[in-house]
Amino acid sequence: VVGIDIAKRIHYACFVDDRGRVLRKSFSVSQSRDGFELFYQRILIEMKEQEKTEVIVGIEPTGHYWLNLAYFLEERGIPLAMVN
């Protein structure tokens, strides 16, 4: 599970396992194509290191700032869950 705190310019993401244990401390994700690409690579690396075959990204949709990331993840087949 990847939880993301959505913001205008810089999002913050954290990897946790299915039991809620933090696998990787929070890190920044720029609201840009390059930032999203780096984020996607981090997801793939973390999945390999943790020997995980599935991932889901959870966000709280803030204004319209989450849309670009949602479209980006959808293009790559990464499921997105919106939570309040």
PDB file of N, CA and C in Angstrom:
ATOM      1  N   VAL A   1       0.854  -1.171   0.000  1.00  0.00           N
ATOM      2  CA  VAL A   1       0.000   0.000   0.000  1.00  0.00           C
ATOM      3  C   VAL A   1       0.893   1.225   0.000  1.00  0.00           C
ATOM      4  N   VAL A   2       0.533   2.165  -0.875  1.00  0.00           N
ATOM      5  CA  VAL A   2       1.245   3.435  -0.913  1.00  0.00           C
ATOM      6  C   VAL A   2       0.236   4.526  -0.557  1.00  0.00           C
ATOM      7  N   GLY A   3       0.443   5.176   0.561  1.00  0.00           N
ATOM      8  CA  GLY A   3      -0.411   6.290   0.955  1.00  0.00           C
ATOM      9  C   GLY A   3       0.234   7.588   0.504  1.00  0.00           C
ATOM     10  N   ILE A   4      -0.578   8.475  -0.053  1.00  0.00           N
ATOM     11  CA  ILE A   4      -0.053   9.751  -0.539  1.00  0.00           C
ATOM     12  C   ILE A   4      -0.861  10.898   0.034  1.00  0.00           C
ATOM     13  N   ASP A   5      -0.147  11.882   0.558  1.00  0.00           N
ATOM     14  CA  ASP A   5      -0.733  13.143   0.979  1.00  0.00           C
ATOM     15  C   ASP A   5      -0.629  14.090  -0.215  1.00  0.00           C
ATOM     16  N   ILE A   6      -1.761  14.431  -0.797  1.00  0.00           N
ATOM     17  CA  ILE A   6      -1.808  15.253  -2.006  1.00  0.00           C
ATOM     18  C   ILE A   6      -1.691  16.735  -1.643  1.00  0.00           C
ATOM     19  N   ALA A   7      -0.916  17.463  -2.443  1.00  0.00           N
ATOM     20  CA  ALA A   7      -0.755  18.909  -2.251  1.00  0.00           C
ATOM     21  C   ALA A   7      -0.611  19.578  -3.615  1.00  0.00           C
ATOM     22  N   LYS A   8      -0.491  20.881  -3.610  1.00  0.00           N
ATOM     23  CA  LYS A   8      -0.443  21.634  -4.863  1.00  0.00           C
ATOM     24  C   LYS A   8       0.817  21.336  -5.676  1.00  0.00           C
ATOM     25  N   ARG A   9       1.988  21.384  -5.057  1.00  0.00           N
ATOM     26  CA  ARG A   9       3.246  21.213  -5.795  1.00  0.00           C
ATOM     27  C   ARG A   9       4.028  19.964  -5.424  1.00  0.00           C
ATOM     28  N   ILE A  10       3.987  19.593  -4.152  1.00  0.00           N
ATOM     29  CA  ILE A  10       4.764  18.438  -3.671  1.00  0.00           C
ATOM     30  C   ILE A  10       3.831  17.524  -2.880  1.00  0.00           C
ATOM     31  N   HIS A  11       3.729  16.269  -3.320  1.00  0.00           N
ATOM     32  CA  HIS A  11       2.976  15.258  -2.579  1.00  0.00           C
ATOM     33  C   HIS A  11       3.977  14.514  -1.693  1.00  0.00           C
ATOM     34  N   TYR A  12       3.464  13.841  -0.671  1.00  0.00           N
ATOM     35  CA  TYR A  12       4.308  12.994   0.155  1.00  0.00           C
ATOM     36  C   TYR A  12       3.726  11.597   0.191  1.00  0.00           C
ATOM     37  N   ALA A  13       4.582  10.600  -0.040  1.00  0.00           N
ATOM     38  CA  ALA A  13       4.149   9.209  -0.119  1.00  0.00           C
ATOM     39  C   ALA A  13       4.880   8.373   0.927  1.00  0.00           C
ATOM     40  N   CYS A  14       4.246   7.279   1.325  1.00  0.00           N
ATOM     41  CA  CYS A  14       4.816   6.352   2.300  1.00  0.00           C
ATOM     42  C   CYS A  14       4.375   4.942   1.928  1.00  0.00           C
ATOM     43  N   PHE A  15       5.285   3.985   2.004  1.00  0.00           N
ATOM     44  CA  PHE A  15       4.973   2.582   1.723  1.00  0.00           C
ATOM     45  C   PHE A  15       4.686   1.859   3.039  1.00  0.00           C
ATOM     46  N   VAL A  16       3.574   1.143   3.084  1.00  0.00           N
ATOM     47  CA  VAL A  16       3.242   0.310   4.241  1.00  0.00           C
ATOM     48  C   VAL A  16       2.816  -1.067   3.735  1.00  0.00           C
ATOM     49  N   ASP A  17       2.932  -2.070   4.593  1.00  0.00           N
ATOM     50  CA  ASP A  17       2.493  -3.400   4.176  1.00  0.00           C
ATOM     51  C   ASP A  17       1.024  -3.601   4.525  1.00  0.00           C
ATOM     52  N   ASP A  18       0.514  -4.786   4.270  1.00  0.00           N
ATOM     53  CA  ASP A  18      -0.907  -5.051   4.491  1.00  0.00           C
ATOM     54  C   ASP A  18      -1.291  -5.082   5.965  1.00  0.00           C
ATOM     55  N   ARG A  19      -0.299  -5.053   6.843  1.00  0.00           N
ATOM     56  CA  ARG A  19      -0.563  -4.999   8.282  1.00  0.00           C
ATOM     57  C   ARG A  19      -0.350  -3.602   8.848  1.00  0.00           C
ATOM     58  N   GLY A  20      -0.013  -2.648   7.985  1.00  0.00           N
ATOM     59  CA  GLY A  20       0.155  -1.263   8.422  1.00  0.00           C
ATOM     60  C   GLY A  20       1.562  -0.907   8.878  1.00  0.00           C
ATOM     61  N   ARG A  21       2.497  -1.830   8.739  1.00  0.00           N
ATOM     62  CA  ARG A  21       3.887  -1.532   9.113  1.00  0.00           C
ATOM     63  C   ARG A  21       4.538  -0.683   8.037  1.00  0.00           C
ATOM     64  N   VAL A  22       5.249   0.343   8.456  1.00  0.00           N
ATOM     65  CA  VAL A  22       5.930   1.229   7.509  1.00  0.00           C
ATOM     66  C   VAL A  22       7.114   0.485   6.898  1.00  0.00           C
ATOM     67  N   LEU A  23       7.117   0.389   5.573  1.00  0.00           N
ATOM     68  CA  LEU A  23       8.216  -0.255   4.851  1.00  0.00           C
ATOM     69  C   LEU A  23       9.253   0.771   4.403  1.00  0.00           C
ATOM     70  N   ARG A  24       8.804   1.976   4.103  1.00  0.00           N
ATOM     71  CA  ARG A  24       9.696   3.051   3.651  1.00  0.00           C
ATOM     72  C   ARG A  24       9.111   4.359   4.152  1.00  0.00           C
ATOM     73  N   LYS A  25       9.936   5.142   4.860  1.00  0.00           N
ATOM     74  CA  LYS A  25       9.474   6.428   5.384  1.00  0.00           C
ATOM     75  C   LYS A  25       8.992   7.331   4.259  1.00  0.00           C
ATOM     76  N   SER A  26       8.236   8.331   4.632  1.00  0.00           N
ATOM     77  CA  SER A  26       7.657   9.214   3.618  1.00  0.00           C
ATOM     78  C   SER A  26       8.738   9.949   2.836  1.00  0.00           C
ATOM     79  N   PHE A  27       8.390  10.215   1.586  1.00  0.00           N
ATOM     80  CA  PHE A  27       9.302  10.901   0.676  1.00  0.00           C
ATOM     81  C   PHE A  27       8.461  11.781  -0.235  1.00  0.00           C
ATOM     82  N   SER A  28       9.093  12.771  -0.833  1.00  0.00           N
ATOM     83  CA  SER A  28       8.361  13.727  -1.668  1.00  0.00           C
ATOM     84  C   SER A  28       8.200  13.225  -3.096  1.00  0.00           C
ATOM     85  N   VAL A  29       7.105  13.657  -3.709  1.00  0.00           N
ATOM     86  CA  VAL A  29       6.799  13.360  -5.106  1.00  0.00           C
ATOM     87  C   VAL A  29       6.382  14.673  -5.751  1.00  0.00           C
ATOM     88  N   SER A  30       7.180  15.141  -6.683  1.00  0.00           N
ATOM     89  CA  SER A  30       6.859  16.402  -7.349  1.00  0.00           C
ATOM     90  C   SER A  30       5.625  16.263  -8.226  1.00  0.00           C
ATOM     91  N   GLN A  31       4.835  17.314  -8.286  1.00  0.00           N
ATOM     92  CA  GLN A  31       3.641  17.352  -9.126  1.00  0.00           C
ATOM     93  C   GLN A  31       4.072  17.685 -10.556  1.00  0.00           C
ATOM     94  N   SER A  32       4.747  16.723 -11.174  1.00  0.00           N
ATOM     95  CA  SER A  32       5.249  16.903 -12.545  1.00  0.00           C
ATOM     96  C   SER A  32       5.409  15.532 -13.188  1.00  0.00           C
ATOM     97  N   ARG A  33       5.566  15.511 -14.481  1.00  0.00           N
ATOM     98  CA  ARG A  33       5.766  14.248 -15.199  1.00  0.00           C
ATOM     99  C   ARG A  33       7.019  13.532 -14.688  1.00  0.00           C
ATOM    100  N   ASP A  34       8.117  14.291 -14.523  1.00  0.00           N
ATOM    101  CA  ASP A  34       9.357  13.696 -14.015  1.00  0.00           C
ATOM    102  C   ASP A  34       9.168  13.154 -12.594  1.00  0.00           C
ATOM    103  N   GLY A  35       8.462  13.905 -11.762  1.00  0.00           N
ATOM    104  CA  GLY A  35       8.203  13.454 -10.398  1.00  0.00           C
ATOM    105  C   GLY A  35       7.388  12.180 -10.373  1.00  0.00           C
ATOM    106  N   PHE A  36       6.381  12.104 -11.252  1.00  0.00           N
ATOM    107  CA  PHE A  36       5.555  10.910 -11.328  1.00  0.00           C
ATOM    108  C   PHE A  36       6.347   9.714 -11.839  1.00  0.00           C
ATOM    109  N   GLU A  37       7.229   9.940 -12.809  1.00  0.00           N
ATOM    110  CA  GLU A  37       8.072   8.850 -13.328  1.00  0.00           C
ATOM    111  C   GLU A  37       8.978   8.305 -12.231  1.00  0.00           C
ATOM    112  N   LEU A  38       9.588   9.202 -11.452  1.00  0.00           N
ATOM    113  CA  LEU A  38      10.445   8.760 -10.341  1.00  0.00           C
ATOM    114  C   LEU A  38       9.632   7.988  -9.314  1.00  0.00           C
ATOM    115  N   PHE A  39       8.443   8.466  -9.031  1.00  0.00           N
ATOM    116  CA  PHE A  39       7.552   7.785  -8.096  1.00  0.00           C
ATOM    117  C   PHE A  39       7.223   6.373  -8.591  1.00  0.00           C
ATOM    118  N   TYR A  40       6.895   6.255  -9.853  1.00  0.00           N
ATOM    119  CA  TYR A  40       6.580   4.954 -10.440  1.00  0.00           C
ATOM    120  C   TYR A  40       7.776   4.003 -10.323  1.00  0.00           C
ATOM    121  N   GLN A  41       8.966   4.494 -10.599  1.00  0.00           N
ATOM    122  CA  GLN A  41      10.166   3.663 -10.466  1.00  0.00           C
ATOM    123  C   GLN A  41      10.373   3.225  -9.019  1.00  0.00           C
ATOM    124  N   ARG A  42      10.095   4.126  -8.066  1.00  0.00           N
ATOM    125  CA  ARG A  42      10.231   3.766  -6.652  1.00  0.00           C
ATOM    126  C   ARG A  42       9.238   2.670  -6.282  1.00  0.00           C
ATOM    127  N   ILE A  43       8.035   2.742  -6.832  1.00  0.00           N
ATOM    128  CA  ILE A  43       7.046   1.692  -6.574  1.00  0.00           C
ATOM    129  C   ILE A  43       7.574   0.346  -7.068  1.00  0.00           C
ATOM    130  N   LEU A  44       8.074   0.317  -8.294  1.00  0.00           N
ATOM    131  CA  LEU A  44       8.581  -0.941  -8.861  1.00  0.00           C
ATOM    132  C   LEU A  44       9.745  -1.481  -8.053  1.00  0.00           C
ATOM    133  N   ILE A  45      10.655  -0.627  -7.653  1.00  0.00           N
ATOM    134  CA  ILE A  45      11.813  -1.050  -6.850  1.00  0.00           C
ATOM    135  C   ILE A  45      11.359  -1.604  -5.506  1.00  0.00           C
ATOM    136  N   GLU A  46      10.449  -0.887  -4.844  1.00  0.00           N
ATOM    137  CA  GLU A  46       9.979  -1.324  -3.530  1.00  0.00           C
ATOM    138  C   GLU A  46       9.238  -2.654  -3.625  1.00  0.00           C
ATOM    139  N   MET A  47       8.440  -2.829  -4.667  1.00  0.00           N
ATOM    140  CA  MET A  47       7.741  -4.103  -4.846  1.00  0.00           C
ATOM    141  C   MET A  47       8.741  -5.251  -4.993  1.00  0.00           C
ATOM    142  N   LYS A  48       9.790  -5.022  -5.754  1.00  0.00           N
ATOM    143  CA  LYS A  48      10.805  -6.062  -5.942  1.00  0.00           C
ATOM    144  C   LYS A  48      11.529  -6.358  -4.626  1.00  0.00           C
ATOM    145  N   GLU A  49      11.950  -5.297  -3.918  1.00  0.00           N
ATOM    146  CA  GLU A  49      12.682  -5.490  -2.665  1.00  0.00           C
ATOM    147  C   GLU A  49      11.832  -6.184  -1.605  1.00  0.00           C
ATOM    148  N   GLN A  50      10.544  -5.860  -1.554  1.00  0.00           N
ATOM    149  CA  GLN A  50       9.654  -6.436  -0.545  1.00  0.00           C
ATOM    150  C   GLN A  50       8.988  -7.724  -1.017  1.00  0.00           C
ATOM    151  N   GLU A  51       9.327  -8.149  -2.246  1.00  0.00           N
ATOM    152  CA  GLU A  51       8.766  -9.361  -2.845  1.00  0.00           C
ATOM    153  C   GLU A  51       7.237  -9.315  -2.870  1.00  0.00           C
ATOM    154  N   LYS A  52       6.718  -8.186  -3.325  1.00  0.00           N
ATOM    155  CA  LYS A  52       5.273  -7.990  -3.459  1.00  0.00           C
ATOM    156  C   LYS A  52       4.886  -8.064  -4.929  1.00  0.00           C
ATOM    157  N   THR A  53       3.716  -8.624  -5.195  1.00  0.00           N
ATOM    158  CA  THR A  53       3.245  -8.748  -6.576  1.00  0.00           C
ATOM    159  C   THR A  53       2.120  -7.774  -6.882  1.00  0.00           C
ATOM    160  N   GLU A  54       1.554  -7.152  -5.850  1.00  0.00           N
ATOM    161  CA  GLU A  54       0.466  -6.207  -6.039  1.00  0.00           C
ATOM    162  C   GLU A  54       0.727  -4.944  -5.242  1.00  0.00           C
ATOM    163  N   VAL A  55       0.158  -3.851  -5.738  1.00  0.00           N
ATOM    164  CA  VAL A  55       0.268  -2.575  -5.054  1.00  0.00           C
ATOM    165  C   VAL A  55      -1.028  -1.820  -5.261  1.00  0.00           C
ATOM    166  N   ILE A  56      -1.375  -0.992  -4.296  1.00  0.00           N
ATOM    167  CA  ILE A  56      -2.508  -0.080  -4.421  1.00  0.00           C
ATOM    168  C   ILE A  56      -2.085   1.253  -3.820  1.00  0.00           C
ATOM    169  N   VAL A  57      -2.490   2.323  -4.470  1.00  0.00           N
ATOM    170  CA  VAL A  57      -2.167   3.668  -4.009  1.00  0.00           C
ATOM    171  C   VAL A  57      -3.433   4.259  -3.410  1.00  0.00           C
ATOM    172  N   GLY A  58      -3.319   4.789  -2.208  1.00  0.00           N
ATOM    173  CA  GLY A  58      -4.448   5.430  -1.540  1.00  0.00           C
ATOM    174  C   GLY A  58      -4.195   6.922  -1.391  1.00  0.00           C
ATOM    175  N   ILE A  59      -5.207   7.709  -1.768  1.00  0.00           N
ATOM    176  CA  ILE A  59      -5.091   9.166  -1.662  1.00  0.00           C
ATOM    177  C   ILE A  59      -6.375   9.740  -1.080  1.00  0.00           C
ATOM    178  N   GLU A  60      -6.258  10.944  -0.524  1.00  0.00           N
ATOM    179  CA  GLU A  60      -7.428  11.748  -0.207  1.00  0.00           C
ATOM    180  C   GLU A  60      -7.487  12.811  -1.295  1.00  0.00           C
ATOM    181  N   PRO A  61      -8.510  12.757  -2.147  1.00  0.00           N
ATOM    182  CA  PRO A  61      -8.565  13.691  -3.270  1.00  0.00           C
ATOM    183  C   PRO A  61      -8.722  15.126  -2.782  1.00  0.00           C
ATOM    184  N   THR A  62      -7.701  15.925  -3.006  1.00  0.00           N
ATOM    185  CA  THR A  62      -7.670  17.309  -2.571  1.00  0.00           C
ATOM    186  C   THR A  62      -7.837  18.212  -3.779  1.00  0.00           C
ATOM    187  N   GLY A  63      -8.950  18.938  -3.823  1.00  0.00           N
ATOM    188  CA  GLY A  63      -9.201  19.813  -4.962  1.00  0.00           C
ATOM    189  C   GLY A  63      -9.049  19.041  -6.256  1.00  0.00           C
ATOM    190  N   HIS A  64      -8.342  19.613  -7.196  1.00  0.00           N
ATOM    191  CA  HIS A  64      -8.064  18.941  -8.471  1.00  0.00           C
ATOM    192  C   HIS A  64      -6.618  18.454  -8.554  1.00  0.00           C
ATOM    193  N   TYR A  65      -5.842  18.641  -7.489  1.00  0.00           N
ATOM    194  CA  TYR A  65      -4.406  18.349  -7.507  1.00  0.00           C
ATOM    195  C   TYR A  65      -4.083  16.863  -7.664  1.00  0.00           C
ATOM    196  N   TRP A  66      -5.017  16.010  -7.400  1.00  0.00           N
ATOM    197  CA  TRP A  66      -4.784  14.570  -7.481  1.00  0.00           C
ATOM    198  C   TRP A  66      -4.996  14.011  -8.884  1.00  0.00           C
ATOM    199  N   LEU A  67      -5.664  14.754  -9.745  1.00  0.00           N
ATOM    200  CA  LEU A  67      -6.060  14.217 -11.044  1.00  0.00           C
ATOM    201  C   LEU A  67      -4.896  13.809 -11.940  1.00  0.00           C
ATOM    202  N   ASN A  68      -3.884  14.643 -12.054  1.00  0.00           N
ATOM    203  CA  ASN A  68      -2.744  14.295 -12.919  1.00  0.00           C
ATOM    204  C   ASN A  68      -2.081  13.001 -12.476  1.00  0.00           C
ATOM    205  N   LEU A  69      -1.892  12.847 -11.184  1.00  0.00           N
ATOM    206  CA  LEU A  69      -1.290  11.616 -10.667  1.00  0.00           C
ATOM    207  C   LEU A  69      -2.211  10.422 -10.920  1.00  0.00           C
ATOM    208  N   ALA A  70      -3.503  10.602 -10.737  1.00  0.00           N
ATOM    209  CA  ALA A  70      -4.454   9.512 -10.970  1.00  0.00           C
ATOM    210  C   ALA A  70      -4.407   9.046 -12.421  1.00  0.00           C
ATOM    211  N   TYR A  71      -4.397   9.974 -13.364  1.00  0.00           N
ATOM    212  CA  TYR A  71      -4.317   9.601 -14.782  1.00  0.00           C
ATOM    213  C   TYR A  71      -3.001   8.897 -15.088  1.00  0.00           C
ATOM    214  N   PHE A  72      -1.912   9.388 -14.512  1.00  0.00           N
ATOM    215  CA  PHE A  72      -0.603   8.784 -14.718  1.00  0.00           C
ATOM    216  C   PHE A  72      -0.592   7.333 -14.226  1.00  0.00           C
ATOM    217  N   LEU A  73      -1.089   7.114 -13.012  1.00  0.00           N
ATOM    218  CA  LEU A  73      -1.099   5.759 -12.446  1.00  0.00           C
ATOM    219  C   LEU A  73      -2.022   4.835 -13.232  1.00  0.00           C
ATOM    220  N   GLU A  74      -3.153   5.360 -13.670  1.00  0.00           N
ATOM    221  CA  GLU A  74      -4.084   4.554 -14.451  1.00  0.00           C
ATOM    222  C   GLU A  74      -3.441   4.059 -15.747  1.00  0.00           C
ATOM    223  N   GLU A  75      -2.661   4.924 -16.391  1.00  0.00           N
ATOM    224  CA  GLU A  75      -1.960   4.535 -17.618  1.00  0.00           C
ATOM    225  C   GLU A  75      -1.003   3.378 -17.388  1.00  0.00           C
ATOM    226  N   ARG A  76      -0.516   3.241 -16.173  1.00  0.00           N
ATOM    227  CA  ARG A  76       0.452   2.191 -15.849  1.00  0.00           C
ATOM    228  C   ARG A  76      -0.175   1.007 -15.127  1.00  0.00           C
ATOM    229  N   GLY A  77      -1.476   1.010 -14.997  1.00  0.00           N
ATOM    230  CA  GLY A  77      -2.167  -0.124 -14.386  1.00  0.00           C
ATOM    231  C   GLY A  77      -2.061  -0.203 -12.880  1.00  0.00           C
ATOM    232  N   ILE A  78      -1.766   0.908 -12.231  1.00  0.00           N
ATOM    233  CA  ILE A  78      -1.654   0.928 -10.766  1.00  0.00           C
ATOM    234  C   ILE A  78      -3.011   1.354 -10.197  1.00  0.00           C
ATOM    235  N   PRO A  79      -3.664   0.499  -9.405  1.00  0.00           N
ATOM    236  CA  PRO A  79      -4.971   0.856  -8.865  1.00  0.00           C
ATOM    237  C   PRO A  79      -4.875   1.996  -7.846  1.00  0.00           C
ATOM    238  N   LEU A  80      -5.908   2.804  -7.834  1.00  0.00           N
ATOM    239  CA  LEU A  80      -5.969   3.978  -6.968  1.00  0.00           C
ATOM    240  C   LEU A  80      -7.250   3.911  -6.146  1.00  0.00           C
ATOM    241  N   ALA A  81      -7.130   4.094  -4.845  1.00  0.00           N
ATOM    242  CA  ALA A  81      -8.286   4.146  -3.959  1.00  0.00           C
ATOM    243  C   ALA A  81      -8.358   5.535  -3.348  1.00  0.00           C
ATOM    244  N   MET A  82      -9.540   6.127  -3.398  1.00  0.00           N
ATOM    245  CA  MET A  82      -9.735   7.430  -2.798  1.00  0.00           C
ATOM    246  C   MET A  82     -10.373   7.256  -1.428  1.00  0.00           C
ATOM    247  N   VAL A  83      -9.775   7.861  -0.420  1.00  0.00           N
ATOM    248  CA  VAL A  83     -10.277   7.761   0.949  1.00  0.00           C
ATOM    249  C   VAL A  83     -10.358   9.147   1.566  1.00  0.00           C
ATOM    250  N   ASN A  84     -11.323   9.325   2.446  1.00  0.00           N
ATOM    251  CA  ASN A  84     -11.447  10.599   3.171  1.00  0.00           C
ATOM    252  C   ASN A  84     -10.912  10.445   4.572  1.00  0.00           C
TER     253      ASN A  84
END
